[in-house]
Amino acid sequence: MTKRTLQEIRDDIDDVDLQILRLLEQRIELAKEISEVKGTDAPLTDSQRESEMVRLLSSKTSSSLLKQYIERFFSVCWAMSKELRQRDP
């Protein structure tokens, strides 16, 4: 097996980053739908659901390093959703 070059690896990371961006865009659209279904009177935060999701997502990875960052990463995603909901009630 030939060793890949730094640029080849970076190109692959760029592709993954683009996929993440597309998924975040998709997630934002879904968050907007949830906002429409919930209406303006529903609370912005569902702490129980967020905790459940952290547990579920943590159980889906075998990477101990990734497990350390799951809550932080998804907290940012949830914050974006909440911010969107506050902007576009």
PDB file of N, CA and C in Angstrom:
ATOM      1  N   MET A   1       0.835  -1.176   0.000  1.00  0.00           N
ATOM      2  CA  MET A   1       0.000   0.000   0.000  1.00  0.00           C
ATOM      3  C   MET A   1       0.889   1.252   0.000  1.00  0.00           C
ATOM      4  N   THR A   2       0.589   2.160  -0.889  1.00  0.00           N
ATOM      5  CA  THR A   2       1.400   3.375  -0.975  1.00  0.00           C
ATOM      6  C   THR A   2       0.917   4.397   0.048  1.00  0.00           C
ATOM      7  N   LYS A   3       1.861   5.121   0.551  1.00  0.00           N
ATOM      8  CA  LYS A   3       1.546   6.160   1.538  1.00  0.00           C
ATOM      9  C   LYS A   3       0.931   7.359   0.821  1.00  0.00           C
ATOM     10  N   ARG A   4      -0.156   7.865   1.381  1.00  0.00           N
ATOM     11  CA  ARG A   4      -0.816   9.015   0.768  1.00  0.00           C
ATOM     12  C   ARG A   4      -0.072  10.298   1.105  1.00  0.00           C
ATOM     13  N   THR A   5      -0.189  11.250   0.221  1.00  0.00           N
ATOM     14  CA  THR A   5       0.458  12.541   0.451  1.00  0.00           C
ATOM     15  C   THR A   5      -0.396  13.385   1.396  1.00  0.00           C
ATOM     16  N   LEU A   6       0.231  14.381   1.964  1.00  0.00           N
ATOM     17  CA  LEU A   6      -0.468  15.314   2.839  1.00  0.00           C
ATOM     18  C   LEU A   6      -1.640  15.958   2.096  1.00  0.00           C
ATOM     19  N   GLN A   7      -1.415  16.338   0.862  1.00  0.00           N
ATOM     20  CA  GLN A   7      -2.483  16.990   0.089  1.00  0.00           C
ATOM     21  C   GLN A   7      -3.656  16.048  -0.165  1.00  0.00           C
ATOM     22  N   GLU A   8      -3.379  14.793  -0.412  1.00  0.00           N
ATOM     23  CA  GLU A   8      -4.462  13.827  -0.620  1.00  0.00           C
ATOM     24  C   GLU A   8      -5.317  13.690   0.640  1.00  0.00           C
ATOM     25  N   ILE A   9      -4.658  13.654   1.767  1.00  0.00           N
ATOM     26  CA  ILE A   9      -5.387  13.543   3.028  1.00  0.00           C
ATOM     27  C   ILE A   9      -6.193  14.815   3.278  1.00  0.00           C
ATOM     28  N   ARG A  10      -5.584  15.962   3.020  1.00  0.00           N
ATOM     29  CA  ARG A  10      -6.306  17.229   3.193  1.00  0.00           C
ATOM     30  C   ARG A  10      -7.501  17.319   2.257  1.00  0.00           C
ATOM     31  N   ASP A  11      -7.337  16.833   1.052  1.00  0.00           N
ATOM     32  CA  ASP A  11      -8.464  16.825   0.105  1.00  0.00           C
ATOM     33  C   ASP A  11      -9.617  15.981   0.645  1.00  0.00           C
ATOM     34  N   ASP A  12      -9.286  14.852   1.241  1.00  0.00           N
ATOM     35  CA  ASP A  12     -10.319  14.001   1.836  1.00  0.00           C
ATOM     36  C   ASP A  12     -11.002  14.699   3.011  1.00  0.00           C
ATOM     37  N   ILE A  13     -10.213  15.384   3.818  1.00  0.00           N
ATOM     38  CA  ILE A  13     -10.793  16.141   4.938  1.00  0.00           C
ATOM     39  C   ILE A  13     -11.701  17.242   4.416  1.00  0.00           C
ATOM     40  N   ASP A  14     -11.287  17.915   3.357  1.00  0.00           N
ATOM     41  CA  ASP A  14     -12.120  18.950   2.746  1.00  0.00           C
ATOM     42  C   ASP A  14     -13.455  18.368   2.286  1.00  0.00           C
ATOM     43  N   ASP A  15     -13.411  17.176   1.710  1.00  0.00           N
ATOM     44  CA  ASP A  15     -14.653  16.511   1.277  1.00  0.00           C
ATOM     45  C   ASP A  15     -15.557  16.201   2.464  1.00  0.00           C
ATOM     46  N   VAL A  16     -14.975  15.712   3.534  1.00  0.00           N
ATOM     47  CA  VAL A  16     -15.755  15.408   4.741  1.00  0.00           C
ATOM     48  C   VAL A  16     -16.333  16.694   5.325  1.00  0.00           C
ATOM     49  N   ASP A  17     -15.538  17.760   5.372  1.00  0.00           N
ATOM     50  CA  ASP A  17     -16.025  19.040   5.887  1.00  0.00           C
ATOM     51  C   ASP A  17     -17.207  19.553   5.064  1.00  0.00           C
ATOM     52  N   LEU A  18     -17.147  19.372   3.763  1.00  0.00           N
ATOM     53  CA  LEU A  18     -18.260  19.783   2.903  1.00  0.00           C
ATOM     54  C   LEU A  18     -19.505  18.947   3.192  1.00  0.00           C
ATOM     55  N   GLN A  19     -19.322  17.671   3.429  1.00  0.00           N
ATOM     56  CA  GLN A  19     -20.454  16.813   3.795  1.00  0.00           C
ATOM     57  C   GLN A  19     -21.061  17.269   5.120  1.00  0.00           C
ATOM     58  N   ILE A  20     -20.215  17.616   6.076  1.00  0.00           N
ATOM     59  CA  ILE A  20     -20.696  18.114   7.367  1.00  0.00           C
ATOM     60  C   ILE A  20     -21.489  19.399   7.166  1.00  0.00           C
ATOM     61  N   LEU A  21     -20.979  20.287   6.332  1.00  0.00           N
ATOM     62  CA  LEU A  21     -21.680  21.539   6.043  1.00  0.00           C
ATOM     63  C   LEU A  21     -23.060  21.273   5.458  1.00  0.00           C
ATOM     64  N   ARG A  22     -23.143  20.363   4.508  1.00  0.00           N
ATOM     65  CA  ARG A  22     -24.437  20.026   3.885  1.00  0.00           C
ATOM     66  C   ARG A  22     -25.398  19.433   4.919  1.00  0.00           C
ATOM     67  N   LEU A  23     -24.872  18.596   5.798  1.00  0.00           N
ATOM     68  CA  LEU A  23     -25.708  18.013   6.848  1.00  0.00           C
ATOM     69  C   LEU A  23     -26.188  19.075   7.837  1.00  0.00           C
ATOM     70  N   LEU A  24     -25.339  20.040   8.145  1.00  0.00           N
ATOM     71  CA  LEU A  24     -25.749  21.135   9.027  1.00  0.00           C
ATOM     72  C   LEU A  24     -26.842  21.977   8.373  1.00  0.00           C
ATOM     73  N   GLU A  25     -26.711  22.203   7.080  1.00  0.00           N
ATOM     74  CA  GLU A  25     -27.762  22.935   6.356  1.00  0.00           C
ATOM     75  C   GLU A  25     -29.083  22.170   6.417  1.00  0.00           C
ATOM     76  N   GLN A  26     -29.000  20.870   6.236  1.00  0.00           N
ATOM     77  CA  GLN A  26     -30.189  20.027   6.309  1.00  0.00           C
ATOM     78  C   GLN A  26     -30.780  20.076   7.726  1.00  0.00           C
ATOM     79  N   ARG A  27     -29.916  20.043   8.721  1.00  0.00           N
ATOM     80  CA  ARG A  27     -30.368  20.084  10.109  1.00  0.00           C
ATOM     81  C   ARG A  27     -31.077  21.399  10.423  1.00  0.00           C
ATOM     82  N   ILE A  28     -30.557  22.496   9.887  1.00  0.00           N
ATOM     83  CA  ILE A  28     -31.184  23.804  10.104  1.00  0.00           C
ATOM     84  C   ILE A  28     -32.592  23.823   9.511  1.00  0.00           C
ATOM     85  N   GLU A  29     -32.745  23.257   8.333  1.00  0.00           N
ATOM     86  CA  GLU A  29     -34.071  23.208   7.707  1.00  0.00           C
ATOM     87  C   GLU A  29     -35.036  22.380   8.557  1.00  0.00           C
ATOM     88  N   LEU A  30     -34.560  21.270   9.088  1.00  0.00           N
ATOM     89  CA  LEU A  30     -35.404  20.442   9.955  1.00  0.00           C
ATOM     90  C   LEU A  30     -35.755  21.180  11.247  1.00  0.00           C
ATOM     91  N   ALA A  31     -34.803  21.932  11.781  1.00  0.00           N
ATOM     92  CA  ALA A  31     -35.060  22.719  12.990  1.00  0.00           C
ATOM     93  C   ALA A  31     -36.132  23.769  12.722  1.00  0.00           C
ATOM     94  N   LYS A  32     -36.119  24.345  11.539  1.00  0.00           N
ATOM     95  CA  LYS A  32     -37.165  25.316  11.180  1.00  0.00           C
ATOM     96  C   LYS A  32     -38.528  24.638  11.155  1.00  0.00           C
ATOM     97  N   GLU A  33     -38.578  23.429  10.631  1.00  0.00           N
ATOM     98  CA  GLU A  33     -39.835  22.680  10.604  1.00  0.00           C
ATOM     99  C   GLU A  33     -40.333  22.408  12.022  1.00  0.00           C
ATOM    100  N   ILE A  34     -39.415  22.013  12.890  1.00  0.00           N
ATOM    101  CA  ILE A  34     -39.792  21.757  14.282  1.00  0.00           C
ATOM    102  C   ILE A  34     -40.346  23.024  14.912  1.00  0.00           C
ATOM    103  N   SER A  35     -39.713  24.139  14.623  1.00  0.00           N
ATOM    104  CA  SER A  35     -40.165  25.414  15.163  1.00  0.00           C
ATOM    105  C   SER A  35     -41.594  25.707  14.715  1.00  0.00           C
ATOM    106  N   GLU A  36     -41.885  25.405  13.454  1.00  0.00           N
ATOM    107  CA  GLU A  36     -43.243  25.636  12.942  1.00  0.00           C
ATOM    108  C   GLU A  36     -44.247  24.725  13.639  1.00  0.00           C
ATOM    109  N   VAL A  37     -43.876  23.490  13.876  1.00  0.00           N
ATOM    110  CA  VAL A  37     -44.773  22.535  14.528  1.00  0.00           C
ATOM    111  C   VAL A  37     -44.989  22.906  15.995  1.00  0.00           C
ATOM    112  N   LYS A  38     -43.901  23.288  16.687  1.00  0.00           N
ATOM    113  CA  LYS A  38     -44.000  23.627  18.109  1.00  0.00           C
ATOM    114  C   LYS A  38     -44.756  24.929  18.332  1.00  0.00           C
ATOM    115  N   GLY A  39     -44.585  25.876  17.429  1.00  0.00           N
ATOM    116  CA  GLY A  39     -45.183  27.191  17.639  1.00  0.00           C
ATOM    117  C   GLY A  39     -44.322  28.038  18.553  1.00  0.00           C
ATOM    118  N   THR A  40     -44.771  29.239  18.831  1.00  0.00           N
ATOM    119  CA  THR A  40     -43.954  30.196  19.593  1.00  0.00           C
ATOM    120  C   THR A  40     -44.067  30.013  21.099  1.00  0.00           C
ATOM    121  N   ASP A  41     -45.070  29.277  21.563  1.00  0.00           N
ATOM    122  CA  ASP A  41     -45.278  29.134  23.008  1.00  0.00           C
ATOM    123  C   ASP A  41     -44.466  28.005  23.628  1.00  0.00           C
ATOM    124  N   ALA A  42     -43.949  27.104  22.811  1.00  0.00           N
ATOM    125  CA  ALA A  42     -43.190  25.963  23.340  1.00  0.00           C
ATOM    126  C   ALA A  42     -41.818  26.427  23.810  1.00  0.00           C
ATOM    127  N   PRO A  43     -41.284  25.783  24.850  1.00  0.00           N
ATOM    128  CA  PRO A  43     -39.948  26.175  25.327  1.00  0.00           C
ATOM    129  C   PRO A  43     -38.879  25.914  24.270  1.00  0.00           C
ATOM    130  N   LEU A  44     -37.855  26.741  24.301  1.00  0.00           N
ATOM    131  CA  LEU A  44     -36.760  26.596  23.336  1.00  0.00           C
ATOM    132  C   LEU A  44     -35.907  25.374  23.625  1.00  0.00           C
ATOM    133  N   THR A  45     -35.813  25.004  24.884  1.00  0.00           N
ATOM    134  CA  THR A  45     -34.903  23.943  25.286  1.00  0.00           C
ATOM    135  C   THR A  45     -35.674  22.736  25.814  1.00  0.00           C
ATOM    136  N   ASP A  46     -35.241  21.570  25.354  1.00  0.00           N
ATOM    137  CA  ASP A  46     -35.756  20.313  25.899  1.00  0.00           C
ATOM    138  C   ASP A  46     -34.539  19.575  26.453  1.00  0.00           C
ATOM    139  N   SER A  47     -34.185  19.925  27.679  1.00  0.00           N
ATOM    140  CA  SER A  47     -32.961  19.390  28.296  1.00  0.00           C
ATOM    141  C   SER A  47     -32.973  17.872  28.379  1.00  0.00           C
ATOM    142  N   GLN A  48     -34.141  17.302  28.637  1.00  0.00           N
ATOM    143  CA  GLN A  48     -34.227  15.844  28.720  1.00  0.00           C
ATOM    144  C   GLN A  48     -33.881  15.207  27.376  1.00  0.00           C
ATOM    145  N   ARG A  49     -34.432  15.742  26.299  1.00  0.00           N
ATOM    146  CA  ARG A  49     -34.128  15.205  24.964  1.00  0.00           C
ATOM    147  C   ARG A  49     -32.648  15.381  24.638  1.00  0.00           C
ATOM    148  N   GLU A  50     -32.094  16.542  24.959  1.00  0.00           N
ATOM    149  CA  GLU A  50     -30.676  16.768  24.679  1.00  0.00           C
ATOM    150  C   GLU A  50     -29.806  15.768  25.438  1.00  0.00           C
ATOM    151  N   SER A  51     -30.122  15.506  26.686  1.00  0.00           N
ATOM    152  CA  SER A  51     -29.363  14.525  27.472  1.00  0.00           C
ATOM    153  C   SER A  51     -29.493  13.126  26.882  1.00  0.00           C
ATOM    154  N   GLU A  52     -30.714  12.780  26.482  1.00  0.00           N
ATOM    155  CA  GLU A  52     -30.938  11.475  25.861  1.00  0.00           C
ATOM    156  C   GLU A  52     -30.124  11.340  24.572  1.00  0.00           C
ATOM    157  N   MET A  53     -30.082  12.416  23.793  1.00  0.00           N
ATOM    158  CA  MET A  53     -29.344  12.376  22.531  1.00  0.00           C
ATOM    159  C   MET A  53     -27.842  12.242  22.770  1.00  0.00           C
ATOM    160  N   VAL A  54     -27.329  12.916  23.779  1.00  0.00           N
ATOM    161  CA  VAL A  54     -25.899  12.790  24.101  1.00  0.00           C
ATOM    162  C   VAL A  54     -25.582  11.348  24.466  1.00  0.00           C
ATOM    163  N   ARG A  55     -26.435  10.746  25.293  1.00  0.00           N
ATOM    164  CA  ARG A  55     -26.218   9.329  25.659  1.00  0.00           C
ATOM    165  C   ARG A  55     -26.294   8.424  24.433  1.00  0.00           C
ATOM    166  N   LEU A  56     -27.308   8.631  23.606  1.00  0.00           N
ATOM    167  CA  LEU A  56     -27.481   7.801  22.414  1.00  0.00           C
ATOM    168  C   LEU A  56     -26.297   7.945  21.461  1.00  0.00           C
ATOM    169  N   LEU A  57     -25.935   9.175  21.165  1.00  0.00           N
ATOM    170  CA  LEU A  57     -24.844   9.416  20.218  1.00  0.00           C
ATOM    171  C   LEU A  57     -23.514   8.912  20.766  1.00  0.00           C
ATOM    172  N   SER A  58     -23.307   9.069  22.048  1.00  0.00           N
ATOM    173  CA  SER A  58     -22.073   8.557  22.667  1.00  0.00           C
ATOM    174  C   SER A  58     -21.990   7.044  22.552  1.00  0.00           C
ATOM    175  N   SER A  59     -23.136   6.399  22.612  1.00  0.00           N
ATOM    176  CA  SER A  59     -23.146   4.936  22.522  1.00  0.00           C
ATOM    177  C   SER A  59     -22.914   4.448  21.092  1.00  0.00           C
ATOM    178  N   LYS A  60     -23.033   5.330  20.122  1.00  0.00           N
ATOM    179  CA  LYS A  60     -22.910   4.941  18.714  1.00  0.00           C
ATOM    180  C   LYS A  60     -21.479   5.032  18.182  1.00  0.00           C
ATOM    181  N   THR A  61     -20.562   5.519  18.984  1.00  0.00           N
ATOM    182  CA  THR A  61     -19.176   5.620  18.531  1.00  0.00           C
ATOM    183  C   THR A  61     -18.271   4.780  19.425  1.00  0.00           C
ATOM    184  N   SER A  62     -17.265   4.216  18.804  1.00  0.00           N
ATOM    185  CA  SER A  62     -16.282   3.459  19.586  1.00  0.00           C
ATOM    186  C   SER A  62     -15.063   4.322  19.910  1.00  0.00           C
ATOM    187  N   SER A  63     -15.064   5.552  19.403  1.00  0.00           N
ATOM    188  CA  SER A  63     -13.935   6.452  19.624  1.00  0.00           C
ATOM    189  C   SER A  63     -14.072   7.160  20.967  1.00  0.00           C
ATOM    190  N   SER A  64     -13.173   6.845  21.891  1.00  0.00           N
ATOM    191  CA  SER A  64     -13.227   7.511  23.199  1.00  0.00           C
ATOM    192  C   SER A  64     -12.928   9.000  23.059  1.00  0.00           C
ATOM    193  N   LEU A  65     -12.105   9.362  22.101  1.00  0.00           N
ATOM    194  CA  LEU A  65     -11.810  10.775  21.871  1.00  0.00           C
ATOM    195  C   LEU A  65     -13.068  11.510  21.408  1.00  0.00           C
ATOM    196  N   LEU A  66     -13.778  10.925  20.475  1.00  0.00           N
ATOM    197  CA  LEU A  66     -14.996  11.555  19.970  1.00  0.00           C
ATOM    198  C   LEU A  66     -16.050  11.669  21.064  1.00  0.00           C
ATOM    199  N   LYS A  67     -16.168  10.663  21.898  1.00  0.00           N
ATOM    200  CA  LYS A  67     -17.143  10.697  22.992  1.00  0.00           C
ATOM    201  C   LYS A  67     -16.947  11.922  23.874  1.00  0.00           C
ATOM    202  N   GLN A  68     -15.705  12.352  24.030  1.00  0.00           N
ATOM    203  CA  GLN A  68     -15.414  13.512  24.867  1.00  0.00           C
ATOM    204  C   GLN A  68     -15.986  14.805  24.283  1.00  0.00           C
ATOM    205  N   TYR A  69     -16.196  14.833  22.972  1.00  0.00           N
ATOM    206  CA  TYR A  69     -16.612  16.065  22.305  1.00  0.00           C
ATOM    207  C   TYR A  69     -18.057  16.053  21.818  1.00  0.00           C
ATOM    208  N   ILE A  70     -18.728  14.938  21.953  1.00  0.00           N
ATOM    209  CA  ILE A  70     -20.094  14.851  21.425  1.00  0.00           C
ATOM    210  C   ILE A  70     -21.002  15.901  22.041  1.00  0.00           C
ATOM    211  N   GLU A  71     -20.998  16.008  23.359  1.00  0.00           N
ATOM    212  CA  GLU A  71     -21.887  16.967  24.001  1.00  0.00           C
ATOM    213  C   GLU A  71     -21.561  18.398  23.571  1.00  0.00           C
ATOM    214  N   ARG A  72     -20.294  18.728  23.509  1.00  0.00           N
ATOM    215  CA  ARG A  72     -19.905  20.086  23.102  1.00  0.00           C
ATOM    216  C   ARG A  72     -20.331  20.378  21.661  1.00  0.00           C
ATOM    217  N   PHE A  73     -20.087  19.431  20.771  1.00  0.00           N
ATOM    218  CA  PHE A  73     -20.437  19.626  19.358  1.00  0.00           C
ATOM    219  C   PHE A  73     -21.944  19.811  19.195  1.00  0.00           C
ATOM    220  N   PHE A  74     -22.712  18.908  19.811  1.00  0.00           N
ATOM    221  CA  PHE A  74     -24.154  19.002  19.632  1.00  0.00           C
ATOM    222  C   PHE A  74     -24.757  20.163  20.403  1.00  0.00           C
ATOM    223  N   SER A  75     -24.114  20.601  21.452  1.00  0.00           N
ATOM    224  CA  SER A  75     -24.580  21.809  22.143  1.00  0.00           C
ATOM    225  C   SER A  75     -24.531  23.008  21.200  1.00  0.00           C
ATOM    226  N   VAL A  76     -23.515  23.056  20.381  1.00  0.00           N
ATOM    227  CA  VAL A  76     -23.424  24.130  19.381  1.00  0.00           C
ATOM    228  C   VAL A  76     -24.555  23.990  18.355  1.00  0.00           C
ATOM    229  N   CYS A  77     -24.816  22.778  17.915  1.00  0.00           N
ATOM    230  CA  CYS A  77     -25.919  22.549  16.967  1.00  0.00           C
ATOM    231  C   CYS A  77     -27.249  22.977  17.570  1.00  0.00           C
ATOM    232  N   TRP A  78     -27.482  22.589  18.830  1.00  0.00           N
ATOM    233  CA  TRP A  78     -28.732  22.959  19.494  1.00  0.00           C
ATOM    234  C   TRP A  78     -28.825  24.462  19.688  1.00  0.00           C
ATOM    235  N   ALA A  79     -27.722  25.097  20.000  1.00  0.00           N
ATOM    236  CA  ALA A  79     -27.716  26.559  20.167  1.00  0.00           C
ATOM    237  C   ALA A  79     -28.073  27.250  18.848  1.00  0.00           C
ATOM    238  N   MET A  80     -27.567  26.718  17.740  1.00  0.00           N
ATOM    239  CA  MET A  80     -27.919  27.292  16.435  1.00  0.00           C
ATOM    240  C   MET A  80     -29.418  27.176  16.196  1.00  0.00           C
ATOM    241  N   SER A  81     -29.982  26.020  16.524  1.00  0.00           N
ATOM    242  CA  SER A  81     -31.419  25.817  16.339  1.00  0.00           C
ATOM    243  C   SER A  81     -32.221  26.797  17.182  1.00  0.00           C
ATOM    244  N   LYS A  82     -31.812  26.985  18.415  1.00  0.00           N
ATOM    245  CA  LYS A  82     -32.518  27.911  19.310  1.00  0.00           C
ATOM    246  C   LYS A  82     -32.416  29.341  18.803  1.00  0.00           C
ATOM    247  N   GLU A  83     -31.229  29.699  18.341  1.00  0.00           N
ATOM    248  CA  GLU A  83     -31.036  31.048  17.811  1.00  0.00           C
ATOM    249  C   GLU A  83     -31.924  31.283  16.600  1.00  0.00           C
ATOM    250  N   LEU A  84     -32.011  30.302  15.733  1.00  0.00           N
ATOM    251  CA  LEU A  84     -32.885  30.411  14.566  1.00  0.00           C
ATOM    252  C   LEU A  84     -34.329  30.614  14.994  1.00  0.00           C
ATOM    253  N   ARG A  85     -34.735  29.871  15.986  1.00  0.00           N
ATOM    254  CA  ARG A  85     -36.111  29.963  16.448  1.00  0.00           C
ATOM    255  C   ARG A  85     -36.394  31.336  17.040  1.00  0.00           C
ATOM    256  N   GLN A  86     -35.422  31.910  17.717  1.00  0.00           N
ATOM    257  CA  GLN A  86     -35.607  33.242  18.286  1.00  0.00           C
ATOM    258  C   GLN A  86     -35.644  34.307  17.201  1.00  0.00           C
ATOM    259  N   ARG A  87     -34.877  34.107  16.154  1.00  0.00           N
ATOM    260  CA  ARG A  87     -34.854  35.074  15.046  1.00  0.00           C
ATOM    261  C   ARG A  87     -36.107  35.042  14.212  1.00  0.00           C
ATOM    262  N   ASP A  88     -36.581  33.828  13.928  1.00  0.00           N
ATOM    263  CA  ASP A  88     -37.735  33.634  13.042  1.00  0.00           C
ATOM    264  C   ASP A  88     -38.879  32.975  13.783  1.00  0.00           C
ATOM    265  N   PRO A  89     -39.516  33.714  14.700  1.00  0.00           N
ATOM    266  CA  PRO A  89     -40.615  33.100  15.461  1.00  0.00           C
ATOM    267  C   PRO A  89     -41.817  32.764  14.578  1.00  0.00           C
TER     268      PRO A  89
END
